[in-house]
Amino acid sequence: MENIMMLPASYCVMNEEEMTYTSGGANIVQAAAAVFIPIYGWIAGVSGIRDYRKAHPDNWTSTGSDALSKYMDKSFTNAMYGLGCTFWTVSSCFTGVGLLINAIVILS
């Protein structure tokens, strides 16, 4: 007995990068929240790093900044969202407690 998956003729397979174009990436509200609301920018930044680390367990430290750059190059709102998340995540690392909390969340 063979297990064969039959898909409709109009079925289209997209990778994660192509999904950004269909879902649109960050909208203006998300971008503004990431820039002006510190807790939102920090949570989005740290959880984004954690999700990327889980998706790329072997090379997340070497490819993460390139992936962020590619994401931010796609639109103005993505750039503002990425800058806001990056700013609040990095600035929280300047306190010893923030660095420890970020490490726990990212590596969990």
PDB file of N, CA and C in Angstrom:
ATOM      1  N   MET A   1       0.840  -1.177   0.000  1.00  0.00           N
ATOM      2  CA  MET A   1       0.000   0.000   0.000  1.00  0.00           C
ATOM      3  C   MET A   1       0.890   1.247   0.000  1.00  0.00           C
ATOM      4  N   GLU A   2       0.627   2.151  -0.917  1.00  0.00           N
ATOM      5  CA  GLU A   2       1.378   3.390  -1.013  1.00  0.00           C
ATOM      6  C   GLU A   2       0.573   4.549  -0.450  1.00  0.00           C
ATOM      7  N   ASN A   3       1.263   5.438   0.215  1.00  0.00           N
ATOM      8  CA  ASN A   3       0.638   6.672   0.696  1.00  0.00           C
ATOM      9  C   ASN A   3       0.976   7.776  -0.284  1.00  0.00           C
ATOM     10  N   ILE A   4       0.014   8.188  -1.067  1.00  0.00           N
ATOM     11  CA  ILE A   4       0.224   9.227  -2.069  1.00  0.00           C
ATOM     12  C   ILE A   4      -0.718  10.384  -1.755  1.00  0.00           C
ATOM     13  N   MET A   5      -0.164  11.561  -1.738  1.00  0.00           N
ATOM     14  CA  MET A   5      -0.972  12.751  -1.495  1.00  0.00           C
ATOM     15  C   MET A   5      -1.340  13.362  -2.837  1.00  0.00           C
ATOM     16  N   MET A   6      -2.617  13.496  -3.089  1.00  0.00           N
ATOM     17  CA  MET A   6      -3.095  14.096  -4.328  1.00  0.00           C
ATOM     18  C   MET A   6      -3.536  15.531  -4.031  1.00  0.00           C
ATOM     19  N   LEU A   7      -2.957  16.478  -4.748  1.00  0.00           N
ATOM     20  CA  LEU A   7      -3.268  17.885  -4.557  1.00  0.00           C
ATOM     21  C   LEU A   7      -4.009  18.418  -5.775  1.00  0.00           C
ATOM     22  N   PRO A   8      -4.821  19.430  -5.588  1.00  0.00           N
ATOM     23  CA  PRO A   8      -5.498  20.016  -6.755  1.00  0.00           C
ATOM     24  C   PRO A   8      -4.496  20.636  -7.725  1.00  0.00           C
ATOM     25  N   ALA A   9      -4.909  20.786  -8.969  1.00  0.00           N
ATOM     26  CA  ALA A   9      -4.023  21.315 -10.007  1.00  0.00           C
ATOM     27  C   ALA A   9      -3.592  22.754  -9.706  1.00  0.00           C
ATOM     28  N   SER A  10      -4.407  23.503  -8.978  1.00  0.00           N
ATOM     29  CA  SER A  10      -4.078  24.902  -8.684  1.00  0.00           C
ATOM     30  C   SER A  10      -3.279  25.063  -7.391  1.00  0.00           C
ATOM     31  N   TYR A  11      -2.844  23.970  -6.800  1.00  0.00           N
ATOM     32  CA  TYR A  11      -2.090  24.015  -5.553  1.00  0.00           C
ATOM     33  C   TYR A  11      -0.708  24.614  -5.793  1.00  0.00           C
ATOM     34  N   CYS A  12      -0.293  25.512  -4.904  1.00  0.00           N
ATOM     35  CA  CYS A  12       0.996  26.172  -5.044  1.00  0.00           C
ATOM     36  C   CYS A  12       1.769  26.058  -3.733  1.00  0.00           C
ATOM     37  N   VAL A  13       2.994  25.586  -3.809  1.00  0.00           N
ATOM     38  CA  VAL A  13       3.830  25.465  -2.625  1.00  0.00           C
ATOM     39  C   VAL A  13       4.697  26.715  -2.520  1.00  0.00           C
ATOM     40  N   MET A  14       4.703  27.336  -1.326  1.00  0.00           N
ATOM     41  CA  MET A  14       5.525  28.530  -1.109  1.00  0.00           C
ATOM     42  C   MET A  14       6.430  28.295   0.087  1.00  0.00           C
ATOM     43  N   ASN A  15       7.629  28.836   0.000  1.00  0.00           N
ATOM     44  CA  ASN A  15       8.523  28.745   1.149  1.00  0.00           C
ATOM     45  C   ASN A  15       8.254  29.917   2.083  1.00  0.00           C
ATOM     46  N   GLU A  16       8.951  29.936   3.216  1.00  0.00           N
ATOM     47  CA  GLU A  16       8.724  30.954   4.245  1.00  0.00           C
ATOM     48  C   GLU A  16       8.995  32.367   3.732  1.00  0.00           C
ATOM     49  N   GLU A  17       9.997  32.515   2.894  1.00  0.00           N
ATOM     50  CA  GLU A  17      10.346  33.834   2.387  1.00  0.00           C
ATOM     51  C   GLU A  17       9.259  34.384   1.466  1.00  0.00           C
ATOM     52  N   GLU A  18       8.657  33.517   0.655  1.00  0.00           N
ATOM     53  CA  GLU A  18       7.588  33.953  -0.236  1.00  0.00           C
ATOM     54  C   GLU A  18       6.315  34.309   0.529  1.00  0.00           C
ATOM     55  N   MET A  19       6.116  33.730   1.703  1.00  0.00           N
ATOM     56  CA  MET A  19       4.929  34.026   2.493  1.00  0.00           C
ATOM     57  C   MET A  19       4.901  35.483   2.944  1.00  0.00           C
ATOM     58  N   THR A  20       6.042  36.114   3.070  1.00  0.00           N
ATOM     59  CA  THR A  20       6.078  37.523   3.449  1.00  0.00           C
ATOM     60  C   THR A  20       5.350  38.371   2.422  1.00  0.00           C
ATOM     61  N   TYR A  21       5.478  38.013   1.163  1.00  0.00           N
ATOM     62  CA  TYR A  21       4.830  38.786   0.121  1.00  0.00           C
ATOM     63  C   TYR A  21       3.320  38.594   0.134  1.00  0.00           C
ATOM     64  N   THR A  22       2.843  37.413   0.520  1.00  0.00           N
ATOM     65  CA  THR A  22       1.406  37.191   0.538  1.00  0.00           C
ATOM     66  C   THR A  22       0.758  37.741   1.796  1.00  0.00           C
ATOM     67  N   SER A  23       1.464  37.702   2.909  1.00  0.00           N
ATOM     68  CA  SER A  23       0.893  38.225   4.147  1.00  0.00           C
ATOM     69  C   SER A  23       1.248  39.688   4.354  1.00  0.00           C
ATOM     70  N   GLY A  24       2.216  40.207   3.645  1.00  0.00           N
ATOM     71  CA  GLY A  24       2.534  41.623   3.688  1.00  0.00           C
ATOM     72  C   GLY A  24       3.572  42.054   4.699  1.00  0.00           C
ATOM     73  N   GLY A  25       4.047  41.167   5.542  1.00  0.00           N
ATOM     74  CA  GLY A  25       5.026  41.565   6.545  1.00  0.00           C
ATOM     75  C   GLY A  25       4.383  42.410   7.617  1.00  0.00           C
ATOM     76  N   ALA A  26       5.111  43.355   8.174  1.00  0.00           N
ATOM     77  CA  ALA A  26       4.590  44.208   9.246  1.00  0.00           C
ATOM     78  C   ALA A  26       3.709  45.307   8.662  1.00  0.00           C
ATOM     79  N   ASN A  27       2.635  45.630   9.375  1.00  0.00           N
ATOM     80  CA  ASN A  27       1.815  46.757   8.948  1.00  0.00           C
ATOM     81  C   ASN A  27       2.241  48.004   9.723  1.00  0.00           C
ATOM     82  N   ILE A  28       1.644  49.130   9.421  1.00  0.00           N
ATOM     83  CA  ILE A  28       2.072  50.399  10.009  1.00  0.00           C
ATOM     84  C   ILE A  28       1.821  50.436  11.519  1.00  0.00           C
ATOM     85  N   VAL A  29       0.767  49.782  11.996  1.00  0.00           N
ATOM     86  CA  VAL A  29       0.479  49.755  13.434  1.00  0.00           C
ATOM     87  C   VAL A  29       1.540  48.944  14.171  1.00  0.00           C
ATOM     88  N   GLN A  30       1.902  47.784  13.612  1.00  0.00           N
ATOM     89  CA  GLN A  30       2.949  46.970  14.227  1.00  0.00           C
ATOM     90  C   GLN A  30       4.284  47.713  14.235  1.00  0.00           C
ATOM     91  N   ALA A  31       4.593  48.387  13.138  1.00  0.00           N
ATOM     92  CA  ALA A  31       5.852  49.133  13.057  1.00  0.00           C
ATOM     93  C   ALA A  31       5.887  50.255  14.090  1.00  0.00           C
ATOM     94  N   ALA A  32       4.794  51.005  14.207  1.00  0.00           N
ATOM     95  CA  ALA A  32       4.744  52.098  15.180  1.00  0.00           C
ATOM     96  C   ALA A  32       4.814  51.563  16.609  1.00  0.00           C
ATOM     97  N   ALA A  33       4.134  50.455  16.867  1.00  0.00           N
ATOM     98  CA  ALA A  33       4.168  49.863  18.213  1.00  0.00           C
ATOM     99  C   ALA A  33       5.573  49.387  18.561  1.00  0.00           C
ATOM    100  N   ALA A  34       6.263  48.781  17.599  1.00  0.00           N
ATOM    101  CA  ALA A  34       7.625  48.295  17.857  1.00  0.00           C
ATOM    102  C   ALA A  34       8.587  49.434  18.145  1.00  0.00           C
ATOM    103  N   VAL A  35       8.353  50.588  17.550  1.00  0.00           N
ATOM    104  CA  VAL A  35       9.243  51.732  17.750  1.00  0.00           C
ATOM    105  C   VAL A  35       8.895  52.489  19.032  1.00  0.00           C
ATOM    106  N   PHE A  36       7.605  52.711  19.304  1.00  0.00           N
ATOM    107  CA  PHE A  36       7.208  53.605  20.390  1.00  0.00           C
ATOM    108  C   PHE A  36       6.772  52.922  21.681  1.00  0.00           C
ATOM    109  N   ILE A  37       6.510  51.618  21.652  1.00  0.00           N
ATOM    110  CA  ILE A  37       6.102  50.899  22.866  1.00  0.00           C
ATOM    111  C   ILE A  37       7.213  49.913  23.217  1.00  0.00           C
ATOM    112  N   PRO A  38       8.031  50.243  24.196  1.00  0.00           N
ATOM    113  CA  PRO A  38       9.208  49.423  24.490  1.00  0.00           C
ATOM    114  C   PRO A  38       8.911  47.948  24.769  1.00  0.00           C
ATOM    115  N   ILE A  39       7.879  47.656  25.550  1.00  0.00           N
ATOM    116  CA  ILE A  39       7.612  46.261  25.902  1.00  0.00           C
ATOM    117  C   ILE A  39       7.191  45.460  24.669  1.00  0.00           C
ATOM    118  N   TYR A  40       6.443  46.084  23.763  1.00  0.00           N
ATOM    119  CA  TYR A  40       6.038  45.396  22.538  1.00  0.00           C
ATOM    120  C   TYR A  40       7.261  45.130  21.651  1.00  0.00           C
ATOM    121  N   GLY A  41       8.093  46.131  21.475  1.00  0.00           N
ATOM    122  CA  GLY A  41       9.293  45.954  20.652  1.00  0.00           C
ATOM    123  C   GLY A  41      10.224  44.908  21.223  1.00  0.00           C
ATOM    124  N   TRP A  42      10.357  44.889  22.553  1.00  0.00           N
ATOM    125  CA  TRP A  42      11.236  43.915  23.194  1.00  0.00           C
ATOM    126  C   TRP A  42      10.684  42.499  23.048  1.00  0.00           C
ATOM    127  N   ILE A  43       9.390  42.319  23.328  1.00  0.00           N
ATOM    128  CA  ILE A  43       8.789  40.986  23.224  1.00  0.00           C
ATOM    129  C   ILE A  43       8.851  40.484  21.787  1.00  0.00           C
ATOM    130  N   ALA A  44       8.523  41.343  20.833  1.00  0.00           N
ATOM    131  CA  ALA A  44       8.574  40.931  19.425  1.00  0.00           C
ATOM    132  C   ALA A  44      10.001  40.595  18.998  1.00  0.00           C
ATOM    133  N   GLY A  45      10.964  41.371  19.457  1.00  0.00           N
ATOM    134  CA  GLY A  45      12.361  41.127  19.096  1.00  0.00           C
ATOM    135  C   GLY A  45      12.906  39.843  19.682  1.00  0.00           C
ATOM    136  N   VAL A  46      12.688  39.648  20.968  1.00  0.00           N
ATOM    137  CA  VAL A  46      13.213  38.455  21.633  1.00  0.00           C
ATOM    138  C   VAL A  46      12.515  37.193  21.119  1.00  0.00           C
ATOM    139  N   SER A  47      11.206  37.256  20.932  1.00  0.00           N
ATOM    140  CA  SER A  47      10.505  36.069  20.422  1.00  0.00           C
ATOM    141  C   SER A  47      10.876  35.795  18.969  1.00  0.00           C
ATOM    142  N   GLY A  48      11.148  36.843  18.194  1.00  0.00           N
ATOM    143  CA  GLY A  48      11.609  36.645  16.819  1.00  0.00           C
ATOM    144  C   GLY A  48      12.961  35.957  16.764  1.00  0.00           C
ATOM    145  N   ILE A  49      13.863  36.355  17.651  1.00  0.00           N
ATOM    146  CA  ILE A  49      15.176  35.703  17.717  1.00  0.00           C
ATOM    147  C   ILE A  49      15.019  34.251  18.138  1.00  0.00           C
ATOM    148  N   ARG A  50      14.169  34.002  19.154  1.00  0.00           N
ATOM    149  CA  ARG A  50      13.944  32.632  19.622  1.00  0.00           C
ATOM    150  C   ARG A  50      13.374  31.757  18.503  1.00  0.00           C
ATOM    151  N   ASP A  51      12.395  32.274  17.764  1.00  0.00           N
ATOM    152  CA  ASP A  51      11.799  31.501  16.671  1.00  0.00           C
ATOM    153  C   ASP A  51      12.821  31.219  15.572  1.00  0.00           C
ATOM    154  N   TYR A  52      13.649  32.208  15.257  1.00  0.00           N
ATOM    155  CA  TYR A  52      14.677  32.000  14.232  1.00  0.00           C
ATOM    156  C   TYR A  52      15.705  30.979  14.697  1.00  0.00           C
ATOM    157  N   ARG A  53      16.075  31.029  15.984  1.00  0.00           N
ATOM    158  CA  ARG A  53      17.032  30.059  16.521  1.00  0.00           C
ATOM    159  C   ARG A  53      16.478  28.642  16.439  1.00  0.00           C
ATOM    160  N   LYS A  54      15.184  28.482  16.727  1.00  0.00           N
ATOM    161  CA  LYS A  54      14.577  27.155  16.654  1.00  0.00           C
ATOM    162  C   LYS A  54      14.482  26.652  15.212  1.00  0.00           C
ATOM    163  N   ALA A  55      14.257  27.562  14.266  1.00  0.00           N
ATOM    164  CA  ALA A  55      14.161  27.165  12.858  1.00  0.00           C
ATOM    165  C   ALA A  55      15.527  26.880  12.240  1.00  0.00           C
ATOM    166  N   HIS A  56      16.572  27.499  12.765  1.00  0.00           N
ATOM    167  CA  HIS A  56      17.937  27.342  12.240  1.00  0.00           C
ATOM    168  C   HIS A  56      18.891  27.012  13.389  1.00  0.00           C
ATOM    169  N   PRO A  57      18.788  25.823  13.971  1.00  0.00           N
ATOM    170  CA  PRO A  57      19.568  25.522  15.183  1.00  0.00           C
ATOM    171  C   PRO A  57      21.069  25.471  14.978  1.00  0.00           C
ATOM    172  N   ASP A  58      21.532  25.182  13.776  1.00  0.00           N
ATOM    173  CA  ASP A  58      22.965  25.016  13.551  1.00  0.00           C
ATOM    174  C   ASP A  58      23.697  26.299  13.202  1.00  0.00           C
ATOM    175  N   ASN A  59      23.001  27.260  12.579  1.00  0.00           N
ATOM    176  CA  ASN A  59      23.710  28.441  12.082  1.00  0.00           C
ATOM    177  C   ASN A  59      22.983  29.753  12.380  1.00  0.00           C
ATOM    178  N   TRP A  60      22.192  29.793  13.425  1.00  0.00           N
ATOM    179  CA  TRP A  60      21.380  30.978  13.693  1.00  0.00           C
ATOM    180  C   TRP A  60      22.217  32.196  14.047  1.00  0.00           C
ATOM    181  N   THR A  61      23.380  32.003  14.638  1.00  0.00           N
ATOM    182  CA  THR A  61      24.200  33.162  14.997  1.00  0.00           C
ATOM    183  C   THR A  61      24.903  33.765  13.778  1.00  0.00           C
ATOM    184  N   SER A  62      25.202  32.951  12.797  1.00  0.00           N
ATOM    185  CA  SER A  62      25.915  33.468  11.623  1.00  0.00           C
ATOM    186  C   SER A  62      24.977  33.975  10.532  1.00  0.00           C
ATOM    187  N   THR A  63      23.741  33.484  10.469  1.00  0.00           N
ATOM    188  CA  THR A  63      22.825  33.884   9.398  1.00  0.00           C
ATOM    189  C   THR A  63      21.709  34.812   9.875  1.00  0.00           C
ATOM    190  N   GLY A  64      21.577  35.010  11.174  1.00  0.00           N
ATOM    191  CA  GLY A  64      20.477  35.814  11.700  1.00  0.00           C
ATOM    192  C   GLY A  64      20.480  37.259  11.262  1.00  0.00           C
ATOM    193  N   SER A  65      21.639  37.890  11.276  1.00  0.00           N
ATOM    194  CA  SER A  65      21.686  39.304  10.883  1.00  0.00           C
ATOM    195  C   SER A  65      21.403  39.476   9.387  1.00  0.00           C
ATOM    196  N   ASP A  66      21.811  38.515   8.568  1.00  0.00           N
ATOM    197  CA  ASP A  66      21.495  38.575   7.133  1.00  0.00           C
ATOM    198  C   ASP A  66      19.994  38.406   6.901  1.00  0.00           C
ATOM    199  N   ALA A  67      19.367  37.515   7.651  1.00  0.00           N
ATOM    200  CA  ALA A  67      17.922  37.309   7.520  1.00  0.00           C
ATOM    201  C   ALA A  67      17.161  38.557   7.952  1.00  0.00           C
ATOM    202  N   LEU A  68      17.604  39.202   9.029  1.00  0.00           N
ATOM    203  CA  LEU A  68      16.967  40.446   9.475  1.00  0.00           C
ATOM    204  C   LEU A  68      17.128  41.536   8.418  1.00  0.00           C
ATOM    205  N   SER A  69      18.304  41.626   7.842  1.00  0.00           N
ATOM    206  CA  SER A  69      18.551  42.627   6.803  1.00  0.00           C
ATOM    207  C   SER A  69      17.659  42.398   5.580  1.00  0.00           C
ATOM    208  N   LYS A  70      17.525  41.148   5.155  1.00  0.00           N
ATOM    209  CA  LYS A  70      16.653  40.836   4.015  1.00  0.00           C
ATOM    210  C   LYS A  70      15.205  41.171   4.329  1.00  0.00           C
ATOM    211  N   TYR A  71      14.772  40.895   5.564  1.00  0.00           N
ATOM    212  CA  TYR A  71      13.406  41.210   5.976  1.00  0.00           C
ATOM    213  C   TYR A  71      13.177  42.719   5.949  1.00  0.00           C
ATOM    214  N   MET A  72      14.135  43.476   6.459  1.00  0.00           N
ATOM    215  CA  MET A  72      13.985  44.921   6.532  1.00  0.00           C
ATOM    216  C   MET A  72      14.063  45.587   5.159  1.00  0.00           C
ATOM    217  N   ASP A  73      14.719  44.953   4.202  1.00  0.00           N
ATOM    218  CA  ASP A  73      14.831  45.514   2.850  1.00  0.00           C
ATOM    219  C   ASP A  73      13.532  45.419   2.054  1.00  0.00           C
ATOM    220  N   LYS A  74      12.582  44.631   2.517  1.00  0.00           N
ATOM    221  CA  LYS A  74      11.369  44.377   1.734  1.00  0.00           C
ATOM    222  C   LYS A  74      10.390  45.539   1.714  1.00  0.00           C
ATOM    223  N   SER A  75      10.307  46.307   2.799  1.00  0.00           N
ATOM    224  CA  SER A  75       9.381  47.451   2.812  1.00  0.00           C
ATOM    225  C   SER A  75       9.768  48.421   3.928  1.00  0.00           C
ATOM    226  N   PHE A  76       9.211  49.611   3.862  1.00  0.00           N
ATOM    227  CA  PHE A  76       9.477  50.626   4.879  1.00  0.00           C
ATOM    228  C   PHE A  76       8.946  50.186   6.239  1.00  0.00           C
ATOM    229  N   THR A  77       7.736  49.606   6.264  1.00  0.00           N
ATOM    230  CA  THR A  77       7.171  49.180   7.543  1.00  0.00           C
ATOM    231  C   THR A  77       7.971  48.030   8.149  1.00  0.00           C
ATOM    232  N   ASN A  78       8.456  47.126   7.316  1.00  0.00           N
ATOM    233  CA  ASN A  78       9.320  46.056   7.825  1.00  0.00           C
ATOM    234  C   ASN A  78      10.606  46.642   8.415  1.00  0.00           C
ATOM    235  N   ALA A  79      11.135  47.668   7.759  1.00  0.00           N
ATOM    236  CA  ALA A  79      12.359  48.300   8.254  1.00  0.00           C
ATOM    237  C   ALA A  79      12.118  48.966   9.608  1.00  0.00           C
ATOM    238  N   MET A  80      11.016  49.688   9.744  1.00  0.00           N
ATOM    239  CA  MET A  80      10.707  50.335  11.015  1.00  0.00           C
ATOM    240  C   MET A  80      10.448  49.298  12.112  1.00  0.00           C
ATOM    241  N   TYR A  81       9.732  48.244  11.780  1.00  0.00           N
ATOM    242  CA  TYR A  81       9.452  47.170  12.732  1.00  0.00           C
ATOM    243  C   TYR A  81      10.755  46.509  13.180  1.00  0.00           C
ATOM    244  N   GLY A  82      11.612  46.180  12.220  1.00  0.00           N
ATOM    245  CA  GLY A  82      12.893  45.554  12.539  1.00  0.00           C
ATOM    246  C   GLY A  82      13.792  46.458  13.373  1.00  0.00           C
ATOM    247  N   LEU A  83      13.826  47.748  13.040  1.00  0.00           N
ATOM    248  CA  LEU A  83      14.643  48.690  13.814  1.00  0.00           C
ATOM    249  C   LEU A  83      14.124  48.847  15.241  1.00  0.00           C
ATOM    250  N   GLY A  84      12.809  48.936  15.386  1.00  0.00           N
ATOM    251  CA  GLY A  84      12.230  49.065  16.717  1.00  0.00           C
ATOM    252  C   GLY A  84      12.505  47.843  17.578  1.00  0.00           C
ATOM    253  N   CYS A  85      12.280  46.663  17.020  1.00  0.00           N
ATOM    254  CA  CYS A  85      12.534  45.430  17.769  1.00  0.00           C
ATOM    255  C   CYS A  85      14.012  45.289  18.111  1.00  0.00           C
ATOM    256  N   THR A  86      14.870  45.603  17.160  1.00  0.00           N
ATOM    257  CA  THR A  86      16.305  45.506  17.399  1.00  0.00           C
ATOM    258  C   THR A  86      16.746  46.489  18.480  1.00  0.00           C
ATOM    259  N   PHE A  87      16.260  47.721  18.402  1.00  0.00           N
ATOM    260  CA  PHE A  87      16.646  48.733  19.385  1.00  0.00           C
ATOM    261  C   PHE A  87      16.265  48.320  20.794  1.00  0.00           C
ATOM    262  N   TRP A  88      15.002  47.905  20.996  1.00  0.00           N
ATOM    263  CA  TRP A  88      14.554  47.577  22.352  1.00  0.00           C
ATOM    264  C   TRP A  88      15.198  46.291  22.864  1.00  0.00           C
ATOM    265  N   THR A  89      15.460  45.347  21.989  1.00  0.00           N
ATOM    266  CA  THR A  89      16.110  44.105  22.423  1.00  0.00           C
ATOM    267  C   THR A  89      17.562  44.366  22.809  1.00  0.00           C
ATOM    268  N   VAL A  90      18.280  45.098  21.975  1.00  0.00           N
ATOM    269  CA  VAL A  90      19.685  45.385  22.264  1.00  0.00           C
ATOM    270  C   VAL A  90      19.818  46.290  23.480  1.00  0.00           C
ATOM    271  N   SER A  91      18.972  47.304  23.583  1.00  0.00           N
ATOM    272  CA  SER A  91      19.090  48.218  24.725  1.00  0.00           C
ATOM    273  C   SER A  91      18.765  47.514  26.037  1.00  0.00           C
ATOM    274  N   SER A  92      17.917  46.515  26.005  1.00  0.00           N
ATOM    275  CA  SER A  92      17.635  45.779  27.246  1.00  0.00           C
ATOM    276  C   SER A  92      18.830  44.936  27.677  1.00  0.00           C
ATOM    277  N   CYS A  93      19.717  44.618  26.749  1.00  0.00           N
ATOM    278  CA  CYS A  93      20.915  43.833  27.078  1.00  0.00           C
ATOM    279  C   CYS A  93      21.939  44.636  27.866  1.00  0.00           C
ATOM    280  N   PHE A  94      21.833  45.971  27.871  1.00  0.00           N
ATOM    281  CA  PHE A  94      22.817  46.789  28.568  1.00  0.00           C
ATOM    282  C   PHE A  94      22.694  46.703  30.088  1.00  0.00           C
ATOM    283  N   THR A  95      21.567  46.202  30.562  1.00  0.00           N
ATOM    284  CA  THR A  95      21.454  45.933  31.993  1.00  0.00           C
ATOM    285  C   THR A  95      21.787  44.463  32.190  1.00  0.00           C
ATOM    286  N   GLY A  96      22.422  44.142  33.255  1.00  0.00           N
ATOM    287  CA  GLY A  96      22.786  42.745  33.497  1.00  0.00           C
ATOM    288  C   GLY A  96      21.577  41.835  33.581  1.00  0.00           C
ATOM    289  N   VAL A  97      20.517  42.311  34.235  1.00  0.00           N
ATOM    290  CA  VAL A  97      19.298  41.517  34.370  1.00  0.00           C
ATOM    291  C   VAL A  97      18.644  41.314  33.004  1.00  0.00           C
ATOM    292  N   GLY A  98      18.602  42.365  32.189  1.00  0.00           N
ATOM    293  CA  GLY A  98      18.012  42.260  30.859  1.00  0.00           C
ATOM    294  C   GLY A  98      18.751  41.270  29.979  1.00  0.00           C
ATOM    295  N   LEU A  99      20.058  41.279  30.061  1.00  0.00           N
ATOM    296  CA  LEU A  99      20.853  40.326  29.283  1.00  0.00           C
ATOM    297  C   LEU A  99      20.535  38.897  29.698  1.00  0.00           C
ATOM    298  N   LEU A 100      20.416  38.665  30.991  1.00  0.00           N
ATOM    299  CA  LEU A 100      20.098  37.335  31.498  1.00  0.00           C
ATOM    300  C   LEU A 100      18.696  36.910  31.065  1.00  0.00           C
ATOM    301  N   ILE A 101      17.731  37.810  31.181  1.00  0.00           N
ATOM    302  CA  ILE A 101      16.359  37.488  30.775  1.00  0.00           C
ATOM    303  C   ILE A 101      16.294  37.211  29.279  1.00  0.00           C
ATOM    304  N   ASN A 102      16.948  38.033  28.470  1.00  0.00           N
ATOM    305  CA  ASN A 102      16.969  37.799  27.025  1.00  0.00           C
ATOM    306  C   ASN A 102      17.563  36.436  26.699  1.00  0.00           C
ATOM    307  N   ALA A 103      18.666  36.092  27.346  1.00  0.00           N
ATOM    308  CA  ALA A 103      19.317  34.801  27.088  1.00  0.00           C
ATOM    309  C   ALA A 103      18.402  33.647  27.465  1.00  0.00           C
ATOM    310  N   ILE A 104      17.714  33.773  28.587  1.00  0.00           N
ATOM    311  CA  ILE A 104      16.790  32.705  29.001  1.00  0.00           C
ATOM    312  C   ILE A 104      15.652  32.535  28.002  1.00  0.00           C
ATOM    313  N   VAL A 105      15.067  33.646  27.560  1.00  0.00           N
ATOM    314  CA  VAL A 105      13.963  33.569  26.607  1.00  0.00           C
ATOM    315  C   VAL A 105      14.436  33.022  25.263  1.00  0.00           C
ATOM    316  N   ILE A 106      15.545  33.527  24.759  1.00  0.00           N
ATOM    317  CA  ILE A 106      16.044  33.113  23.439  1.00  0.00           C
ATOM    318  C   ILE A 106      16.467  31.654  23.442  1.00  0.00           C
ATOM    319  N   LEU A 107      17.080  31.203  24.498  1.00  0.00           N
ATOM    320  CA  LEU A 107      17.581  29.828  24.528  1.00  0.00           C
ATOM    321  C   LEU A 107      16.575  28.832  25.085  1.00  0.00           C
ATOM    322  N   SER A 108      15.371  29.283  25.420  1.00  0.00           N
ATOM    323  CA  SER A 108      14.358  28.358  25.953  1.00  0.00           C
ATOM    324  C   SER A 108      13.676  27.580  24.863  1.00  0.00           C
TER     325      SER A 108
END
